[in-house]
PDB file of N, CA and C in Angstrom:
ATOM      1  N   UNK A   1      -5.636  13.594 -19.034  1.00  0.00           N
ATOM      2  CA  UNK A   1      -6.176  13.396 -17.767  1.00  0.00           C
ATOM      3  C   UNK A   1      -6.324  11.864 -17.560  1.00  0.00           C
ATOM      4  N   UNK A   2      -6.664  11.028 -18.597  1.00  0.00           N
ATOM      5  CA  UNK A   2      -6.871   9.620 -18.385  1.00  0.00           C
ATOM      6  C   UNK A   2      -5.477   9.103 -18.060  1.00  0.00           C
ATOM      7  N   UNK A   3      -4.410   9.422 -18.439  1.00  0.00           N
ATOM      8  CA  UNK A   3      -3.385   8.853 -18.217  1.00  0.00           C
ATOM      9  C   UNK A   3      -2.828   9.143 -16.550  1.00  0.00           C
ATOM     10  N   UNK A   4      -3.133  10.213 -16.197  1.00  0.00           N
ATOM     11  CA  UNK A   4      -3.057  10.503 -14.631  1.00  0.00           C
ATOM     12  C   UNK A   4      -4.010   9.624 -13.961  1.00  0.00           C
ATOM     13  N   UNK A   5      -5.328   9.319 -14.526  1.00  0.00           N
ATOM     14  CA  UNK A   5      -6.055   8.564 -13.626  1.00  0.00           C
ATOM     15  C   UNK A   5      -5.647   6.987 -13.693  1.00  0.00           C
ATOM     16  N   UNK A   6      -5.177   6.626 -14.948  1.00  0.00           N
ATOM     17  CA  UNK A   6      -4.613   5.326 -14.886  1.00  0.00           C
ATOM     18  C   UNK A   6      -3.374   5.126 -14.060  1.00  0.00           C
ATOM     19  N   UNK A   7      -2.512   6.040 -13.750  1.00  0.00           N
ATOM     20  CA  UNK A   7      -1.371   5.934 -12.837  1.00  0.00           C
ATOM     21  C   UNK A   7      -2.022   5.846 -11.417  1.00  0.00           C
ATOM     22  N   UNK A   8      -3.195   6.613 -11.142  1.00  0.00           N
ATOM     23  CA  UNK A   8      -3.626   6.713  -9.757  1.00  0.00           C
ATOM     24  C   UNK A   8      -4.283   5.150  -9.654  1.00  0.00           C
ATOM     25  N   UNK A   9      -4.943   4.742 -10.673  1.00  0.00           N
ATOM     26  CA  UNK A   9      -5.485   3.448 -10.386  1.00  0.00           C
ATOM     27  C   UNK A   9      -4.309   2.414 -10.257  1.00  0.00           C
ATOM     28  N   UNK A  10      -3.559   2.120 -10.834  1.00  0.00           N
ATOM     29  CA  UNK A  10      -2.293   1.287 -10.581  1.00  0.00           C
ATOM     30  C   UNK A  10      -1.898   1.665  -9.419  1.00  0.00           C
ATOM     31  N   UNK A  11      -1.406   2.791  -8.794  1.00  0.00           N
ATOM     32  CA  UNK A  11      -1.218   3.182  -7.430  1.00  0.00           C
ATOM     33  C   UNK A  11      -1.974   2.329  -6.346  1.00  0.00           C
ATOM     34  N   UNK A  12      -3.275   2.805  -6.524  1.00  0.00           N
ATOM     35  CA  UNK A  12      -4.425   2.373  -5.627  1.00  0.00           C
ATOM     36  C   UNK A  12      -4.358   0.803  -5.552  1.00  0.00           C
ATOM     37  N   UNK A  13      -4.126   0.167  -6.735  1.00  0.00           N
ATOM     38  CA  UNK A  13      -4.271  -1.400  -6.836  1.00  0.00           C
ATOM     39  C   UNK A  13      -2.870  -1.785  -6.446  1.00  0.00           C
ATOM     40  N   UNK A  14      -1.998  -1.175  -5.872  1.00  0.00           N
ATOM     41  CA  UNK A  14      -0.519  -1.903  -5.512  1.00  0.00           C
ATOM     42  C   UNK A  14       0.421  -2.179  -6.731  1.00  0.00           C
ATOM     43  N   UNK A  15       0.180  -1.826  -7.903  1.00  0.00           N
ATOM     44  CA  UNK A  15       0.928  -2.100  -9.007  1.00  0.00           C
ATOM     45  C   UNK A  15       1.760  -0.971  -9.194  1.00  0.00           C
ATOM     46  N   UNK A  16       3.080  -1.345  -9.908  1.00  0.00           N
ATOM     47  CA  UNK A  16       4.124  -0.501 -10.369  1.00  0.00           C
ATOM     48  C   UNK A  16       3.510   0.385 -11.356  1.00  0.00           C
ATOM     49  N   UNK A  17       3.438   1.473 -11.327  1.00  0.00           N
ATOM     50  CA  UNK A  17       3.409   2.603 -12.350  1.00  0.00           C
ATOM     51  C   UNK A  17       4.589   2.557 -13.263  1.00  0.00           C
ATOM     52  N   UNK A  18       4.646   1.792 -14.056  1.00  0.00           N
ATOM     53  CA  UNK A  18       5.586   1.635 -15.375  1.00  0.00           C
ATOM     54  C   UNK A  18       4.718   1.715 -16.786  1.00  0.00           C
ATOM     55  N   UNK A  19       5.673   2.009 -17.896  1.00  0.00           N
ATOM     56  CA  UNK A  19       5.006   1.956 -19.105  1.00  0.00           C
ATOM     57  C   UNK A  19       4.271   0.825 -19.592  1.00  0.00           C
ATOM     58  N   UNK A  20       4.632  -0.454 -19.056  1.00  0.00           N
ATOM     59  CA  UNK A  20       3.962  -1.745 -19.455  1.00  0.00           C
ATOM     60  C   UNK A  20       2.455  -1.885 -18.943  1.00  0.00           C
ATOM     61  N   UNK A  21       2.412  -1.398 -17.660  1.00  0.00           N
ATOM     62  CA  UNK A  21       1.232  -1.448 -16.897  1.00  0.00           C
ATOM     63  C   UNK A  21       0.227  -0.378 -17.316  1.00  0.00           C
ATOM     64  N   UNK A  22       0.913   0.811 -17.653  1.00  0.00           N
ATOM     65  CA  UNK A  22       0.016   2.017 -17.997  1.00  0.00           C
ATOM     66  C   UNK A  22      -0.376   1.679 -19.468  1.00  0.00           C
ATOM     67  N   UNK A  23       0.125   1.294 -20.188  1.00  0.00           N
ATOM     68  CA  UNK A  23      -0.264   0.734 -21.645  1.00  0.00           C
ATOM     69  C   UNK A  23      -1.355  -0.283 -21.463  1.00  0.00           C
ATOM     70  N   UNK A  24      -1.400  -1.159 -20.658  1.00  0.00           N
ATOM     71  CA  UNK A  24      -2.361  -1.961 -20.436  1.00  0.00           C
ATOM     72  C   UNK A  24      -3.657  -1.366 -19.746  1.00  0.00           C
ATOM     73  N   UNK A  25      -3.376  -0.585 -18.795  1.00  0.00           N
ATOM     74  CA  UNK A  25      -4.665   0.163 -18.376  1.00  0.00           C
ATOM     75  C   UNK A  25      -5.336   1.088 -19.393  1.00  0.00           C
ATOM     76  N   UNK A  26      -4.515   1.524 -20.085  1.00  0.00           N
ATOM     77  CA  UNK A  26      -5.248   2.696 -21.291  1.00  0.00           C
ATOM     78  C   UNK A  26      -5.787   1.698 -22.390  1.00  0.00           C
ATOM     79  N   UNK A  27      -5.214   0.676 -22.622  1.00  0.00           N
ATOM     80  CA  UNK A  27      -5.812  -0.214 -23.698  1.00  0.00           C
ATOM     81  C   UNK A  27      -6.969  -0.918 -23.054  1.00  0.00           C
ATOM     82  N   UNK A  28      -7.260  -1.304 -21.989  1.00  0.00           N
ATOM     83  CA  UNK A  28      -8.288  -2.015 -21.347  1.00  0.00           C
ATOM     84  C   UNK A  28      -9.469  -0.845 -21.067  1.00  0.00           C
ATOM     85  N   UNK A  29      -8.946   0.299 -21.073  1.00  0.00           N
ATOM     86  CA  UNK A  29     -10.025   1.380 -20.673  1.00  0.00           C
ATOM     87  C   UNK A  29     -10.606   1.973 -22.094  1.00  0.00           C
ATOM     88  N   UNK A  30     -10.086   1.480 -23.325  1.00  0.00           N
ATOM     89  CA  UNK A  30     -10.290   1.937 -24.630  1.00  0.00           C
ATOM     90  C   UNK A  30      -9.664   3.093 -24.905  1.00  0.00           C
ATOM     91  N   UNK A  31      -8.721   3.585 -24.398  1.00  0.00           N
ATOM     92  CA  UNK A  31      -7.961   4.877 -24.842  1.00  0.00           C
ATOM     93  C   UNK A  31      -6.983   4.452 -25.756  1.00  0.00           C
ATOM     94  N   UNK A  32      -6.832   5.262 -26.984  1.00  0.00           N
ATOM     95  CA  UNK A  32      -5.648   5.069 -27.903  1.00  0.00           C
ATOM     96  C   UNK A  32      -4.476   5.448 -27.166  1.00  0.00           C
ATOM     97  N   UNK A  33      -3.379   4.329 -27.107  1.00  0.00           N
ATOM     98  CA  UNK A  33      -2.176   4.771 -26.266  1.00  0.00           C
ATOM     99  C   UNK A  33      -1.245   5.449 -27.024  1.00  0.00           C
ATOM    100  N   UNK A  34      -0.736   6.731 -26.439  1.00  0.00           N
ATOM    101  CA  UNK A  34       0.243   7.459 -26.974  1.00  0.00           C
ATOM    102  C   UNK A  34       1.322   7.075 -26.108  1.00  0.00           C
ATOM    103  N   UNK A  35       2.191   6.384 -26.759  1.00  0.00           N
ATOM    104  CA  UNK A  35       3.652   6.004 -26.046  1.00  0.00           C
ATOM    105  C   UNK A  35       4.286   6.992 -25.729  1.00  0.00           C
ATOM    106  N   UNK A  36       4.528   8.121 -26.182  1.00  0.00           N
ATOM    107  CA  UNK A  36       5.302   9.267 -25.781  1.00  0.00           C
ATOM    108  C   UNK A  36       4.648   9.954 -24.335  1.00  0.00           C
ATOM    109  N   UNK A  37       3.346  10.015 -24.468  1.00  0.00           N
ATOM    110  CA  UNK A  37       2.668  10.317 -22.871  1.00  0.00           C
ATOM    111  C   UNK A  37       2.767   9.465 -22.181  1.00  0.00           C
ATOM    112  N   UNK A  38       2.805   8.242 -22.462  1.00  0.00           N
ATOM    113  CA  UNK A  38       3.113   7.094 -21.338  1.00  0.00           C
ATOM    114  C   UNK A  38       4.378   7.331 -20.854  1.00  0.00           C
ATOM    115  N   UNK A  39       5.468   7.281 -21.426  1.00  0.00           N
ATOM    116  CA  UNK A  39       6.823   7.469 -21.185  1.00  0.00           C
ATOM    117  C   UNK A  39       6.886   8.966 -20.323  1.00  0.00           C
ATOM    118  N   UNK A  40       6.425   9.833 -20.670  1.00  0.00           N
ATOM    119  CA  UNK A  40       6.516  11.320 -20.021  1.00  0.00           C
ATOM    120  C   UNK A  40       5.807  10.996 -18.620  1.00  0.00           C
ATOM    121  N   UNK A  41       4.867  10.619 -18.453  1.00  0.00           N
ATOM    122  CA  UNK A  41       4.068  10.503 -17.011  1.00  0.00           C
ATOM    123  C   UNK A  41       4.918   9.859 -16.411  1.00  0.00           C
ATOM    124  N   UNK A  42       5.348   8.335 -16.779  1.00  0.00           N
ATOM    125  CA  UNK A  42       6.050   7.537 -15.929  1.00  0.00           C
ATOM    126  C   UNK A  42       7.345   8.056 -15.382  1.00  0.00           C
ATOM    127  N   UNK A  43       7.996   8.949 -16.412  1.00  0.00           N
ATOM    128  CA  UNK A  43       9.309   9.497 -16.060  1.00  0.00           C
ATOM    129  C   UNK A  43       8.965  10.697 -15.066  1.00  0.00           C
ATOM    130  N   UNK A  44       7.948  11.333 -15.082  1.00  0.00           N
ATOM    131  CA  UNK A  44       7.594  12.545 -14.339  1.00  0.00           C
ATOM    132  C   UNK A  44       7.391  12.054 -12.811  1.00  0.00           C
ATOM    133  N   UNK A  45       6.717  10.801 -12.794  1.00  0.00           N
ATOM    134  CA  UNK A  45       6.306  10.294 -11.645  1.00  0.00           C
ATOM    135  C   UNK A  45       7.481   9.399 -10.755  1.00  0.00           C
ATOM    136  N   UNK A  46       8.592   9.483 -11.401  1.00  0.00           N
ATOM    137  CA  UNK A  46       9.624   8.755 -10.832  1.00  0.00           C
ATOM    138  C   UNK A  46      10.257   9.249  -9.763  1.00  0.00           C
ATOM    139  N   UNK A  47      10.131   8.633  -8.614  1.00  0.00           N
ATOM    140  CA  UNK A  47      10.735   9.118  -7.377  1.00  0.00           C
ATOM    141  C   UNK A  47       9.761  10.002  -6.560  1.00  0.00           C
ATOM    142  N   UNK A  48       8.390  10.121  -7.049  1.00  0.00           N
ATOM    143  CA  UNK A  48       7.463  10.825  -6.421  1.00  0.00           C
ATOM    144  C   UNK A  48       6.619  10.007  -5.582  1.00  0.00           C
ATOM    145  N   UNK A  49       6.527  10.430  -4.357  1.00  0.00           N
ATOM    146  CA  UNK A  49       5.583   9.762  -3.166  1.00  0.00           C
ATOM    147  C   UNK A  49       4.113  10.124  -3.672  1.00  0.00           C
ATOM    148  N   UNK A  50       3.308   9.260  -4.313  1.00  0.00           N
ATOM    149  CA  UNK A  50       2.095   9.321  -5.040  1.00  0.00           C
ATOM    150  C   UNK A  50       1.209   9.611  -3.802  1.00  0.00           C
ATOM    151  N   UNK A  51       1.175   8.954  -2.778  1.00  0.00           N
ATOM    152  CA  UNK A  51       0.419   8.999  -1.626  1.00  0.00           C
ATOM    153  C   UNK A  51       0.612  10.449  -0.979  1.00  0.00           C
ATOM    154  N   UNK A  52       1.527  11.031  -0.640  1.00  0.00           N
ATOM    155  CA  UNK A  52       1.921  12.239  -0.042  1.00  0.00           C
ATOM    156  C   UNK A  52       1.469  13.117  -1.034  1.00  0.00           C
ATOM    157  N   UNK A  53       1.608  13.206  -2.372  1.00  0.00           N
ATOM    158  CA  UNK A  53       1.173  13.991  -3.185  1.00  0.00           C
ATOM    159  C   UNK A  53      -0.483  14.142  -3.470  1.00  0.00           C
ATOM    160  N   UNK A  54      -1.055  13.201  -3.486  1.00  0.00           N
ATOM    161  CA  UNK A  54      -2.505  13.126  -3.564  1.00  0.00           C
ATOM    162  C   UNK A  54      -3.049  13.765  -2.244  1.00  0.00           C
ATOM    163  N   UNK A  55      -2.679  13.357  -1.024  1.00  0.00           N
ATOM    164  CA  UNK A  55      -2.959  13.988   0.255  1.00  0.00           C
ATOM    165  C   UNK A  55      -2.705  15.549   0.292  1.00  0.00           C
ATOM    166  N   UNK A  56      -1.738  16.158  -0.245  1.00  0.00           N
ATOM    167  CA  UNK A  56      -1.080  17.335  -0.236  1.00  0.00           C
ATOM    168  C   UNK A  56      -2.372  18.075  -1.020  1.00  0.00           C
ATOM    169  N   UNK A  57      -2.561  17.617  -2.294  1.00  0.00           N
ATOM    170  CA  UNK A  57      -3.661  18.233  -3.163  1.00  0.00           C
ATOM    171  C   UNK A  57      -4.965  18.218  -2.567  1.00  0.00           C
ATOM    172  N   UNK A  58      -5.325  17.093  -1.792  1.00  0.00           N
ATOM    173  CA  UNK A  58      -6.645  16.953  -1.528  1.00  0.00           C
ATOM    174  C   UNK A  58      -6.845  17.855  -0.201  1.00  0.00           C
ATOM    175  N   UNK A  59      -5.637  18.473   0.629  1.00  0.00           N
ATOM    176  CA  UNK A  59      -5.884  19.151   1.510  1.00  0.00           C
ATOM    177  C   UNK A  59      -5.689  20.402   1.378  1.00  0.00           C
ATOM    178  N   UNK A  60      -5.187  21.226   0.255  1.00  0.00           N
ATOM    179  CA  UNK A  60      -4.914  22.307  -0.115  1.00  0.00           C
ATOM    180  C   UNK A  60      -6.173  23.070  -0.369  1.00  0.00           C
ATOM    181  N   UNK A  61      -7.129  22.667  -1.307  1.00  0.00           N
ATOM    182  CA  UNK A  61      -8.332  23.295  -1.290  1.00  0.00           C
ATOM    183  C   UNK A  61      -9.092  23.572  -0.083  1.00  0.00           C
ATOM    184  N   UNK A  62      -9.159  22.510   0.786  1.00  0.00           N
ATOM    185  CA  UNK A  62      -9.882  22.540   2.128  1.00  0.00           C
ATOM    186  C   UNK A  62      -9.300  23.387   2.754  1.00  0.00           C
ATOM    187  N   UNK A  63      -7.882  23.715   3.021  1.00  0.00           N
ATOM    188  CA  UNK A  63      -7.359  24.618   3.759  1.00  0.00           C
ATOM    189  C   UNK A  63      -7.589  25.972   3.093  1.00  0.00           C
ATOM    190  N   UNK A  64      -7.717  26.216   1.921  1.00  0.00           N
ATOM    191  CA  UNK A  64      -7.980  27.500   1.512  1.00  0.00           C
ATOM    192  C   UNK A  64      -9.370  28.010   1.672  1.00  0.00           C
ATOM    193  N   UNK A  65      -9.969  27.064   1.820  1.00  0.00           N
ATOM    194  CA  UNK A  65     -11.598  27.485   2.203  1.00  0.00           C
ATOM    195  C   UNK A  65     -11.833  27.739   3.543  1.00  0.00           C
ATOM    196  N   UNK A  66     -11.011  27.440   4.447  1.00  0.00           N
ATOM    197  CA  UNK A  66     -11.244  27.732   5.912  1.00  0.00           C
ATOM    198  C   UNK A  66     -10.399  28.720   6.265  1.00  0.00           C
ATOM    199  N   UNK A  67      -9.708  29.411   5.444  1.00  0.00           N
ATOM    200  CA  UNK A  67      -8.945  30.566   5.579  1.00  0.00           C
ATOM    201  C   UNK A  67      -9.635  31.736   6.014  1.00  0.00           C
ATOM    202  N   UNK A  68      -9.053  32.565   7.011  1.00  0.00           N
ATOM    203  CA  UNK A  68      -9.894  33.729   7.277  1.00  0.00           C
ATOM    204  C   UNK A  68     -10.217  34.604   5.868  1.00  0.00           C
ATOM    205  N   UNK A  69     -11.589  35.314   6.042  1.00  0.00           N
ATOM    206  CA  UNK A  69     -11.726  36.132   4.841  1.00  0.00           C
ATOM    207  C   UNK A  69     -10.761  37.433   4.859  1.00  0.00           C
ATOM    208  N   UNK A  70     -10.608  37.727   3.662  1.00  0.00           N
ATOM    209  CA  UNK A  70      -9.791  39.078   3.365  1.00  0.00           C
ATOM    210  C   UNK A  70     -10.854  40.178   3.007  1.00  0.00           C
ATOM    211  N   UNK A  71     -10.404  41.333   3.133  1.00  0.00           N
ATOM    212  CA  UNK A  71     -11.350  42.294   2.703  1.00  0.00           C
ATOM    213  C   UNK A  71     -11.298  42.630   1.311  1.00  0.00           C
ATOM    214  N   UNK A  72     -12.527  42.445   0.707  1.00  0.00           N
ATOM    215  CA  UNK A  72     -12.519  42.512  -0.789  1.00  0.00           C
ATOM    216  C   UNK A  72     -13.955  43.126  -0.996  1.00  0.00           C
ATOM    217  N   UNK A  73     -14.002  43.807  -2.097  1.00  0.00           N
ATOM    218  CA  UNK A  73     -15.100  44.656  -2.529  1.00  0.00           C
ATOM    219  C   UNK A  73     -16.332  43.881  -2.825  1.00  0.00           C
ATOM    220  N   UNK A  74     -17.285  44.124  -2.388  1.00  0.00           N
ATOM    221  CA  UNK A  74     -18.571  43.533  -2.588  1.00  0.00           C
ATOM    222  C   UNK A  74     -19.105  43.372  -3.966  1.00  0.00           C
ATOM    223  N   UNK A  75     -19.282  41.969  -4.368  1.00  0.00           N
ATOM    224  CA  UNK A  75     -19.926  42.013  -5.952  1.00  0.00           C
ATOM    225  C   UNK A  75     -21.037  42.142  -6.149  1.00  0.00           C
ATOM    226  N   UNK A  76     -21.552  42.507  -7.303  1.00  0.00           N
ATOM    227  CA  UNK A  76     -22.793  42.907  -7.680  1.00  0.00           C
ATOM    228  C   UNK A  76     -23.669  41.769  -7.871  1.00  0.00           C
ATOM    229  N   UNK A  77     -24.846  41.569  -7.806  1.00  0.00           N
ATOM    230  CA  UNK A  77     -25.807  40.394  -8.142  1.00  0.00           C
ATOM    231  C   UNK A  77     -25.233  39.822  -9.553  1.00  0.00           C
ATOM    232  N   UNK A  78     -24.946  40.526 -10.552  1.00  0.00           N
ATOM    233  CA  UNK A  78     -24.522  39.882 -11.857  1.00  0.00           C
ATOM    234  C   UNK A  78     -23.233  39.103 -11.740  1.00  0.00           C
ATOM    235  N   UNK A  79     -22.228  39.900 -10.886  1.00  0.00           N
ATOM    236  CA  UNK A  79     -21.017  39.106 -10.906  1.00  0.00           C
ATOM    237  C   UNK A  79     -21.037  37.878  -9.962  1.00  0.00           C
ATOM    238  N   UNK A  80     -21.780  37.940  -9.051  1.00  0.00           N
ATOM    239  CA  UNK A  80     -22.118  36.605  -8.196  1.00  0.00           C
ATOM    240  C   UNK A  80     -22.570  35.788  -9.039  1.00  0.00           C
ATOM    241  N   UNK A  81     -23.778  36.116  -9.992  1.00  0.00           N
ATOM    242  CA  UNK A  81     -24.211  35.016 -10.881  1.00  0.00           C
ATOM    243  C   UNK A  81     -23.243  34.451 -11.939  1.00  0.00           C
ATOM    244  N   UNK A  82     -22.629  35.334 -12.521  1.00  0.00           N
ATOM    245  CA  UNK A  82     -21.549  35.016 -13.391  1.00  0.00           C
ATOM    246  C   UNK A  82     -20.508  33.916 -12.816  1.00  0.00           C
ATOM    247  N   UNK A  83     -20.196  34.147 -11.587  1.00  0.00           N
ATOM    248  CA  UNK A  83     -19.335  33.589 -10.831  1.00  0.00           C
ATOM    249  C   UNK A  83     -19.929  31.935 -10.411  1.00  0.00           C
ATOM    250  N   UNK A  84     -21.054  31.886 -10.211  1.00  0.00           N
ATOM    251  CA  UNK A  84     -21.770  30.656 -10.025  1.00  0.00           C
ATOM    252  C   UNK A  84     -21.835  29.857 -11.387  1.00  0.00           C
ATOM    253  N   UNK A  85     -22.112  30.440 -12.277  1.00  0.00           N
ATOM    254  CA  UNK A  85     -21.949  29.683 -13.660  1.00  0.00           C
ATOM    255  C   UNK A  85     -20.838  29.312 -14.083  1.00  0.00           C
ATOM    256  N   UNK A  86     -19.705  30.038 -13.704  1.00  0.00           N
ATOM    257  CA  UNK A  86     -18.440  29.319 -14.105  1.00  0.00           C
ATOM    258  C   UNK A  86     -18.072  28.385 -13.120  1.00  0.00           C
ATOM    259  N   UNK A  87     -18.591  28.266 -11.819  1.00  0.00           N
ATOM    260  CA  UNK A  87     -18.279  27.206 -10.717  1.00  0.00           C
ATOM    261  C   UNK A  87     -18.959  26.171 -11.206  1.00  0.00           C
ATOM    262  N   UNK A  88     -20.121  26.269 -11.770  1.00  0.00           N
ATOM    263  CA  UNK A  88     -20.880  24.963 -12.296  1.00  0.00           C
ATOM    264  C   UNK A  88     -20.414  24.333 -13.479  1.00  0.00           C
ATOM    265  N   UNK A  89     -19.786  25.314 -14.415  1.00  0.00           N
ATOM    266  CA  UNK A  89     -19.119  24.574 -15.648  1.00  0.00           C
ATOM    267  C   UNK A  89     -17.820  23.909 -15.197  1.00  0.00           C
ATOM    268  N   UNK A  90     -17.165  24.412 -14.056  1.00  0.00           N
ATOM    269  CA  UNK A  90     -15.928  23.883 -13.741  1.00  0.00           C
ATOM    270  C   UNK A  90     -16.359  22.580 -13.037  1.00  0.00           C
ATOM    271  N   UNK A  91     -17.384  22.468 -12.315  1.00  0.00           N
ATOM    272  CA  UNK A  91     -17.717  21.097 -11.938  1.00  0.00           C
ATOM    273  C   UNK A  91     -18.262  20.046 -12.924  1.00  0.00           C
ATOM    274  N   UNK A  92     -18.991  20.631 -13.861  1.00  0.00           N
ATOM    275  CA  UNK A  92     -19.444  19.703 -15.069  1.00  0.00           C
ATOM    276  C   UNK A  92     -18.201  19.265 -15.686  1.00  0.00           C
ATOM    277  N   UNK A  93     -17.392  20.325 -16.133  1.00  0.00           N
ATOM    278  CA  UNK A  93     -15.905  19.667 -16.727  1.00  0.00           C
ATOM    279  C   UNK A  93     -15.400  18.674 -15.919  1.00  0.00           C
ATOM    280  N   UNK A  94     -15.134  18.570 -14.660  1.00  0.00           N
ATOM    281  CA  UNK A  94     -14.493  17.683 -13.568  1.00  0.00           C
ATOM    282  C   UNK A  94     -15.390  16.424 -13.869  1.00  0.00           C
ATOM    283  N   UNK A  95     -16.627  16.370 -13.916  1.00  0.00           N
ATOM    284  CA  UNK A  95     -17.582  15.258 -13.985  1.00  0.00           C
ATOM    285  C   UNK A  95     -17.296  14.484 -15.189  1.00  0.00           C
ATOM    286  N   UNK A  96     -17.425  15.403 -16.323  1.00  0.00           N
ATOM    287  CA  UNK A  96     -17.247  14.791 -17.772  1.00  0.00           C
ATOM    288  C   UNK A  96     -15.971  14.069 -17.806  1.00  0.00           C
ATOM    289  N   UNK A  97     -14.740  14.689 -17.208  1.00  0.00           N
ATOM    290  CA  UNK A  97     -13.524  14.023 -17.032  1.00  0.00           C
ATOM    291  C   UNK A  97     -13.486  12.710 -16.538  1.00  0.00           C
ATOM    292  N   UNK A  98     -14.107  12.709 -15.497  1.00  0.00           N
ATOM    293  CA  UNK A  98     -14.266  11.403 -14.788  1.00  0.00           C
ATOM    294  C   UNK A  98     -15.141  10.401 -15.649  1.00  0.00           C
ATOM    295  N   UNK A  99     -16.335  10.821 -16.047  1.00  0.00           N
ATOM    296  CA  UNK A  99     -17.015  10.124 -16.723  1.00  0.00           C
ATOM    297  C   UNK A  99     -16.463   9.199 -17.878  1.00  0.00           C
ATOM    298  N   UNK A 100     -15.566  10.214 -18.564  1.00  0.00           N
ATOM    299  CA  UNK A 100     -14.882   9.483 -19.711  1.00  0.00           C
ATOM    300  C   UNK A 100     -13.882   8.277 -19.471  1.00  0.00           C
ATOM    301  N   UNK A 101     -13.711   7.958 -18.290  1.00  0.00           N
ATOM    302  CA  UNK A 101     -12.982   6.757 -17.679  1.00  0.00           C
ATOM    303  C   UNK A 101     -13.730   5.520 -18.190  1.00  0.00           C
ATOM    304  N   UNK A 102     -15.264   5.830 -18.138  1.00  0.00           N
ATOM    305  CA  UNK A 102     -16.011   4.676 -18.260  1.00  0.00           C
ATOM    306  C   UNK A 102     -16.616   4.661 -19.619  1.00  0.00           C
ATOM    307  N   UNK A 103     -16.276   5.405 -20.425  1.00  0.00           N
ATOM    308  CA  UNK A 103     -16.834   5.328 -21.898  1.00  0.00           C
ATOM    309  C   UNK A 103     -16.433   4.071 -22.649  1.00  0.00           C
TER     310      UNK A 103
END
């Protein structure tokens, strides 16, 4: 995940997302650089409009949450509690992923 964050950081700073810049970002953030992962990411992002991709991803969850409700069976209180705990774990995992950028 840190490689994707590095690419987003470079893009936000107006820098080219290339192998040299990615390696600099990874090294400066204390991440052991895996050249194969850097090459794969740079190759995968070649020709991708990063601004468009980020706006599409950011809008998709919001659009899904505003969709009309569908007919679903009612969940029991135990099922609701399990789902809430799962969502909390997901949020905690996301936060810990972001926090790893600053370690």
